[in-house]
Amino acid sequence: QLQLVESGGGLVQAGGSLSLSCAASGGIFSTYAMGWFRQAPGKEREFVAAISSGGGSTYYSDSVKGRFAISRDNAKNNLYLHMDKLKPEDTAVYFCAAGATSLVLRNGGITYWGKGTLVTVSS
């Protein structure tokens, strides 16, 4: 069983950058595909990005493609999301997630969730 704890959320101006981290413990991190989801105020949770267990493949939603970058460091049991050129519509609680494969994960098959970190982008 994995425990996932997000950090790095905060307030940033539109056009700025922010990096999120997810620290994993309690399981073999390197065996899981990992990803990020977000939930904006009044909206459903949506897929943002995913990365394969070894880090060789990444996937992004169309809304963040070209602006966000997902990465992982299996030696440190950490997942990252670097966000660039942020927009007010990126404002959301961002959740770290673990799944069996990146394909399963990005289609909503989640084994473990973190509790989220809030990102607020001001206009």
N, C-alpha and C. Protein backbone atom coordinates (compact mmCIF):
# COMPACT_ATOMS: atom_id res chain seq x y z
N GLN A 1 0.82 -1.18 0.00
CA GLN A 1 0.00 0.00 0.00
C GLN A 1 0.88 1.26 0.00
N LEU A 2 0.52 2.21 -0.86
CA LEU A 2 1.24 3.46 -0.94
C LEU A 2 0.50 4.57 -0.22
N GLN A 3 1.25 5.40 0.48
CA GLN A 3 0.75 6.66 0.97
C GLN A 3 1.36 7.76 0.12
N LEU A 4 0.54 8.70 -0.32
CA LEU A 4 0.97 9.75 -1.22
C LEU A 4 0.66 11.11 -0.59
N VAL A 5 1.67 11.98 -0.56
CA VAL A 5 1.51 13.30 0.04
C VAL A 5 2.01 14.35 -0.93
N GLU A 6 1.10 15.21 -1.37
CA GLU A 6 1.44 16.28 -2.30
C GLU A 6 1.96 17.50 -1.55
N SER A 7 2.77 18.28 -2.23
CA SER A 7 3.24 19.55 -1.70
C SER A 7 3.58 20.48 -2.85
N GLY A 8 3.72 21.76 -2.55
CA GLY A 8 4.13 22.73 -3.53
C GLY A 8 3.05 23.65 -4.05
N GLY A 9 1.81 23.41 -3.66
CA GLY A 9 0.74 24.28 -4.10
C GLY A 9 0.86 25.66 -3.50
N GLY A 10 0.16 26.60 -4.11
CA GLY A 10 0.20 27.97 -3.63
C GLY A 10 -0.44 28.91 -4.62
N LEU A 11 -0.19 30.19 -4.41
CA LEU A 11 -0.73 31.25 -5.25
C LEU A 11 0.32 31.71 -6.24
N VAL A 12 -0.06 31.80 -7.50
CA VAL A 12 0.85 32.25 -8.54
C VAL A 12 0.07 33.11 -9.53
N GLN A 13 0.73 34.08 -10.12
CA GLN A 13 0.10 34.93 -11.12
C GLN A 13 0.03 34.23 -12.47
N ALA A 14 -0.97 34.59 -13.25
CA ALA A 14 -1.09 34.05 -14.60
C ALA A 14 0.19 34.28 -15.38
N GLY A 15 0.61 33.27 -16.10
CA GLY A 15 1.85 33.33 -16.85
C GLY A 15 3.05 32.83 -16.08
N GLY A 16 2.89 32.60 -14.80
CA GLY A 16 3.97 32.14 -13.96
C GLY A 16 4.12 30.64 -13.96
N SER A 17 5.03 30.17 -13.12
CA SER A 17 5.35 28.75 -13.04
C SER A 17 5.27 28.26 -11.60
N LEU A 18 5.02 26.98 -11.45
CA LEU A 18 4.96 26.35 -10.14
C LEU A 18 5.26 24.87 -10.30
N SER A 19 5.94 24.30 -9.32
CA SER A 19 6.25 22.88 -9.34
C SER A 19 5.63 22.18 -8.14
N LEU A 20 4.99 21.07 -8.40
CA LEU A 20 4.38 20.25 -7.36
C LEU A 20 5.21 18.99 -7.15
N SER A 21 5.17 18.47 -5.94
CA SER A 21 5.84 17.23 -5.62
C SER A 21 4.86 16.27 -4.95
N CYS A 22 5.11 15.00 -5.09
CA CYS A 22 4.34 13.96 -4.44
C CYS A 22 5.31 12.96 -3.85
N ALA A 23 5.31 12.84 -2.54
CA ALA A 23 6.19 11.91 -1.86
C ALA A 23 5.43 10.63 -1.55
N ALA A 24 6.01 9.49 -1.94
CA ALA A 24 5.38 8.19 -1.75
C ALA A 24 6.10 7.41 -0.67
N SER A 25 5.33 6.65 0.09
CA SER A 25 5.90 5.79 1.11
C SER A 25 5.00 4.58 1.31
N GLY A 26 5.53 3.54 1.94
CA GLY A 26 4.73 2.38 2.29
C GLY A 26 4.59 1.31 1.22
N GLY A 27 5.20 1.51 0.07
CA GLY A 27 5.13 0.54 -1.00
C GLY A 27 6.30 0.69 -1.95
N ILE A 28 6.32 -0.15 -2.97
CA ILE A 28 7.40 -0.09 -3.95
C ILE A 28 6.99 0.89 -5.04
N PHE A 29 7.43 2.12 -4.89
CA PHE A 29 7.03 3.21 -5.76
C PHE A 29 7.32 2.91 -7.22
N SER A 30 8.45 2.31 -7.49
CA SER A 30 8.89 2.10 -8.87
C SER A 30 8.04 1.10 -9.65
N THR A 31 7.14 0.38 -8.99
CA THR A 31 6.27 -0.57 -9.68
C THR A 31 4.97 0.07 -10.17
N TYR A 32 4.71 1.31 -9.79
CA TYR A 32 3.46 1.97 -10.14
C TYR A 32 3.63 3.01 -11.23
N ALA A 33 2.70 3.03 -12.15
CA ALA A 33 2.53 4.22 -12.96
C ALA A 33 1.97 5.32 -12.07
N MET A 34 2.33 6.55 -12.34
CA MET A 34 1.90 7.66 -11.50
C MET A 34 1.27 8.75 -12.36
N GLY A 35 0.47 9.56 -11.71
CA GLY A 35 -0.16 10.64 -12.45
C GLY A 35 -0.66 11.75 -11.57
N TRP A 36 -1.12 12.79 -12.24
CA TRP A 36 -1.73 13.94 -11.58
C TRP A 36 -3.13 14.15 -12.11
N PHE A 37 -4.05 14.42 -11.22
CA PHE A 37 -5.41 14.83 -11.55
C PHE A 37 -5.66 16.16 -10.86
N ARG A 38 -6.70 16.84 -11.29
CA ARG A 38 -7.06 18.09 -10.63
C ARG A 38 -8.57 18.24 -10.58
N GLN A 39 -9.01 19.02 -9.62
CA GLN A 39 -10.42 19.31 -9.47
C GLN A 39 -10.58 20.80 -9.21
N ALA A 40 -11.16 21.49 -10.17
CA ALA A 40 -11.41 22.92 -10.06
C ALA A 40 -12.70 23.15 -9.27
N PRO A 41 -12.86 24.34 -8.71
CA PRO A 41 -14.08 24.63 -7.96
C PRO A 41 -15.33 24.40 -8.79
N GLY A 42 -16.25 23.61 -8.27
CA GLY A 42 -17.51 23.34 -8.95
C GLY A 42 -17.43 22.38 -10.11
N LYS A 43 -16.29 21.75 -10.33
CA LYS A 43 -16.13 20.84 -11.45
C LYS A 43 -15.71 19.44 -10.98
N GLU A 44 -15.81 18.48 -11.90
CA GLU A 44 -15.39 17.12 -11.61
C GLU A 44 -13.87 16.99 -11.71
N ARG A 45 -13.34 15.99 -11.03
CA ARG A 45 -11.92 15.72 -11.11
C ARG A 45 -11.55 15.28 -12.52
N GLU A 46 -10.43 15.79 -13.04
CA GLU A 46 -10.01 15.48 -14.40
C GLU A 46 -8.55 15.07 -14.45
N PHE A 47 -8.24 14.27 -15.45
CA PHE A 47 -6.88 13.82 -15.68
C PHE A 47 -6.01 14.96 -16.17
N VAL A 48 -4.78 15.03 -15.68
CA VAL A 48 -3.82 16.05 -16.09
C VAL A 48 -2.63 15.43 -16.82
N ALA A 49 -1.95 14.49 -16.17
CA ALA A 49 -0.74 13.91 -16.74
C ALA A 49 -0.47 12.56 -16.11
N ALA A 50 0.25 11.69 -16.84
CA ALA A 50 0.63 10.39 -16.33
C ALA A 50 2.02 10.05 -16.80
N ILE A 51 2.68 9.17 -16.05
CA ILE A 51 4.02 8.72 -16.40
C ILE A 51 4.13 7.24 -16.07
N SER A 52 4.80 6.49 -16.94
CA SER A 52 4.96 5.06 -16.73
C SER A 52 5.86 4.79 -15.54
N SER A 53 5.85 3.55 -15.07
CA SER A 53 6.57 3.21 -13.85
C SER A 53 8.07 3.51 -13.94
N GLY A 54 8.65 3.29 -15.11
CA GLY A 54 10.07 3.57 -15.30
C GLY A 54 10.37 4.98 -15.78
N GLY A 55 9.33 5.75 -16.05
CA GLY A 55 9.52 7.12 -16.50
C GLY A 55 9.73 7.28 -17.99
N GLY A 56 9.61 6.20 -18.76
CA GLY A 56 9.90 6.26 -20.17
C GLY A 56 8.81 6.83 -21.05
N SER A 57 7.58 6.88 -20.54
CA SER A 57 6.46 7.38 -21.32
C SER A 57 5.67 8.37 -20.50
N THR A 58 5.26 9.45 -21.12
CA THR A 58 4.43 10.45 -20.46
C THR A 58 3.21 10.78 -21.30
N TYR A 59 2.15 11.22 -20.64
CA TYR A 59 0.89 11.52 -21.30
C TYR A 59 0.29 12.76 -20.65
N TYR A 60 -0.36 13.59 -21.46
CA TYR A 60 -0.92 14.84 -20.98
C TYR A 60 -2.30 15.07 -21.56
N SER A 61 -3.14 15.72 -20.77
CA SER A 61 -4.41 16.18 -21.31
C SER A 61 -4.14 17.31 -22.29
N ASP A 62 -5.07 17.49 -23.22
CA ASP A 62 -4.89 18.53 -24.23
C ASP A 62 -4.79 19.93 -23.60
N SER A 63 -5.46 20.13 -22.50
CA SER A 63 -5.50 21.45 -21.88
C SER A 63 -4.16 21.88 -21.29
N VAL A 64 -3.28 20.92 -20.98
CA VAL A 64 -2.00 21.27 -20.36
C VAL A 64 -0.81 20.92 -21.23
N LYS A 65 -1.04 20.25 -22.32
CA LYS A 65 0.04 19.81 -23.20
C LYS A 65 0.87 21.00 -23.66
N GLY A 66 2.18 20.87 -23.53
CA GLY A 66 3.09 21.95 -23.91
C GLY A 66 3.38 22.93 -22.80
N ARG A 67 2.62 22.87 -21.72
CA ARG A 67 2.81 23.78 -20.58
C ARG A 67 3.26 23.06 -19.32
N PHE A 68 2.79 21.84 -19.13
CA PHE A 68 3.11 21.06 -17.94
C PHE A 68 4.07 19.94 -18.29
N ALA A 69 4.87 19.52 -17.32
CA ALA A 69 5.78 18.40 -17.50
C ALA A 69 5.76 17.51 -16.26
N ILE A 70 5.49 16.24 -16.46
CA ILE A 70 5.49 15.28 -15.36
C ILE A 70 6.82 14.53 -15.37
N SER A 71 7.34 14.24 -14.19
CA SER A 71 8.58 13.49 -14.07
C SER A 71 8.57 12.71 -12.76
N ARG A 72 9.50 11.80 -12.63
CA ARG A 72 9.60 11.03 -11.38
C ARG A 72 11.05 10.70 -11.09
N ASP A 73 11.33 10.50 -9.82
CA ASP A 73 12.64 10.06 -9.37
C ASP A 73 12.40 8.84 -8.49
N ASN A 74 12.57 7.66 -9.08
CA ASN A 74 12.26 6.43 -8.34
C ASN A 74 13.22 6.20 -7.17
N ALA A 75 14.43 6.71 -7.27
CA ALA A 75 15.38 6.57 -6.18
C ALA A 75 14.95 7.36 -4.95
N LYS A 76 14.19 8.44 -5.17
CA LYS A 76 13.72 9.29 -4.08
C LYS A 76 12.25 9.05 -3.75
N ASN A 77 11.59 8.15 -4.48
CA ASN A 77 10.15 7.88 -4.29
C ASN A 77 9.32 9.15 -4.44
N ASN A 78 9.66 9.95 -5.43
CA ASN A 78 8.96 11.22 -5.64
C ASN A 78 8.43 11.35 -7.07
N LEU A 79 7.30 11.99 -7.18
CA LEU A 79 6.67 12.36 -8.43
C LEU A 79 6.60 13.88 -8.48
N TYR A 80 6.75 14.44 -9.68
CA TYR A 80 6.76 15.89 -9.83
C TYR A 80 5.84 16.33 -10.96
N LEU A 81 5.37 17.55 -10.85
CA LEU A 81 4.65 18.19 -11.94
C LEU A 81 5.13 19.63 -12.03
N HIS A 82 5.82 19.95 -13.10
CA HIS A 82 6.23 21.32 -13.34
C HIS A 82 5.20 21.98 -14.23
N MET A 83 4.68 23.10 -13.80
CA MET A 83 3.64 23.82 -14.51
C MET A 83 4.17 25.17 -14.95
N ASP A 84 4.03 25.46 -16.22
CA ASP A 84 4.52 26.71 -16.80
C ASP A 84 3.39 27.41 -17.52
N LYS A 85 3.54 28.71 -17.71
CA LYS A 85 2.53 29.52 -18.40
C LYS A 85 1.14 29.27 -17.83
N LEU A 86 1.05 29.37 -16.54
CA LEU A 86 -0.20 29.05 -15.85
C LEU A 86 -1.31 30.03 -16.21
N LYS A 87 -2.51 29.50 -16.24
CA LYS A 87 -3.71 30.26 -16.56
C LYS A 87 -4.68 30.21 -15.38
N PRO A 88 -5.55 31.19 -15.25
CA PRO A 88 -6.54 31.13 -14.17
C PRO A 88 -7.35 29.84 -14.18
N GLU A 89 -7.63 29.29 -15.34
CA GLU A 89 -8.39 28.05 -15.43
C GLU A 89 -7.62 26.83 -14.93
N ASP A 90 -6.33 26.99 -14.64
CA ASP A 90 -5.56 25.91 -14.02
C ASP A 90 -5.80 25.84 -12.52
N THR A 91 -6.49 26.82 -11.97
CA THR A 91 -6.78 26.82 -10.54
C THR A 91 -7.57 25.58 -10.16
N ALA A 92 -7.04 24.82 -9.21
CA ALA A 92 -7.67 23.56 -8.82
C ALA A 92 -6.89 22.96 -7.65
N VAL A 93 -7.49 21.97 -7.03
CA VAL A 93 -6.76 21.09 -6.13
C VAL A 93 -6.14 20.00 -6.99
N TYR A 94 -4.84 19.83 -6.86
CA TYR A 94 -4.10 18.85 -7.65
C TYR A 94 -3.82 17.62 -6.80
N PHE A 95 -4.16 16.46 -7.35
CA PHE A 95 -4.03 15.19 -6.65
C PHE A 95 -2.99 14.30 -7.32
N CYS A 96 -2.15 13.70 -6.52
CA CYS A 96 -1.23 12.67 -6.94
C CYS A 96 -1.95 11.33 -6.93
N ALA A 97 -1.64 10.45 -7.90
CA ALA A 97 -2.32 9.17 -7.99
C ALA A 97 -1.37 8.09 -8.48
N ALA A 98 -1.64 6.85 -8.07
CA ALA A 98 -0.87 5.69 -8.49
C ALA A 98 -1.80 4.66 -9.13
N GLY A 99 -1.32 4.01 -10.18
CA GLY A 99 -2.09 2.99 -10.86
C GLY A 99 -1.20 1.90 -11.43
N ALA A 100 -1.83 0.87 -11.99
CA ALA A 100 -1.10 -0.28 -12.48
C ALA A 100 -0.23 0.06 -13.70
N THR A 101 -0.80 0.80 -14.65
CA THR A 101 -0.08 1.25 -15.83
C THR A 101 -0.53 2.67 -16.14
N SER A 102 0.24 3.37 -16.95
CA SER A 102 -0.13 4.72 -17.31
C SER A 102 -1.42 4.75 -18.13
N LEU A 103 -1.66 3.73 -18.94
CA LEU A 103 -2.89 3.67 -19.72
C LEU A 103 -4.09 3.52 -18.80
N VAL A 104 -4.01 2.59 -17.87
CA VAL A 104 -5.10 2.40 -16.92
C VAL A 104 -5.32 3.66 -16.09
N LEU A 105 -4.23 4.26 -15.64
CA LEU A 105 -4.31 5.44 -14.79
C LEU A 105 -4.99 6.60 -15.49
N ARG A 106 -4.56 6.91 -16.71
CA ARG A 106 -5.13 8.07 -17.40
C ARG A 106 -6.57 7.86 -17.82
N ASN A 107 -7.03 6.62 -17.79
CA ASN A 107 -8.44 6.33 -18.05
C ASN A 107 -9.24 6.19 -16.76
N GLY A 108 -8.65 6.58 -15.64
CA GLY A 108 -9.37 6.64 -14.39
C GLY A 108 -9.20 5.47 -13.45
N GLY A 109 -8.36 4.50 -13.81
CA GLY A 109 -8.11 3.37 -12.93
C GLY A 109 -7.04 3.70 -11.91
N ILE A 110 -7.47 4.08 -10.73
CA ILE A 110 -6.57 4.57 -9.70
C ILE A 110 -6.55 3.61 -8.51
N THR A 111 -5.36 3.25 -8.08
CA THR A 111 -5.19 2.39 -6.92
C THR A 111 -5.08 3.20 -5.63
N TYR A 112 -4.30 4.28 -5.67
CA TYR A 112 -4.09 5.13 -4.50
C TYR A 112 -4.17 6.59 -4.88
N TRP A 113 -4.75 7.38 -3.98
CA TRP A 113 -4.85 8.84 -4.13
C TRP A 113 -4.13 9.55 -2.99
N GLY A 114 -3.55 10.69 -3.30
CA GLY A 114 -3.15 11.62 -2.28
C GLY A 114 -4.33 12.49 -1.90
N LYS A 115 -4.14 13.38 -0.94
CA LYS A 115 -5.22 14.24 -0.47
C LYS A 115 -5.29 15.59 -1.16
N GLY A 116 -4.30 15.91 -1.97
CA GLY A 116 -4.35 17.10 -2.80
C GLY A 116 -3.60 18.29 -2.25
N THR A 117 -3.23 19.18 -3.17
CA THR A 117 -2.62 20.46 -2.83
C THR A 117 -3.23 21.52 -3.73
N LEU A 118 -3.56 22.66 -3.16
CA LEU A 118 -4.29 23.69 -3.88
C LEU A 118 -3.36 24.61 -4.66
N VAL A 119 -3.68 24.78 -5.94
CA VAL A 119 -2.99 25.73 -6.80
C VAL A 119 -3.99 26.80 -7.20
N THR A 120 -3.66 28.05 -6.93
CA THR A 120 -4.51 29.17 -7.29
C THR A 120 -3.75 30.10 -8.22
N VAL A 121 -4.31 30.33 -9.40
CA VAL A 121 -3.68 31.19 -10.39
C VAL A 121 -4.50 32.46 -10.52
N SER A 122 -3.91 33.59 -10.20
CA SER A 122 -4.60 34.86 -10.24
C SER A 122 -4.45 35.51 -11.61
N SER A 123 -5.47 36.24 -12.02
CA SER A 123 -5.45 36.92 -13.31
C SER A 123 -4.88 38.31 -13.20
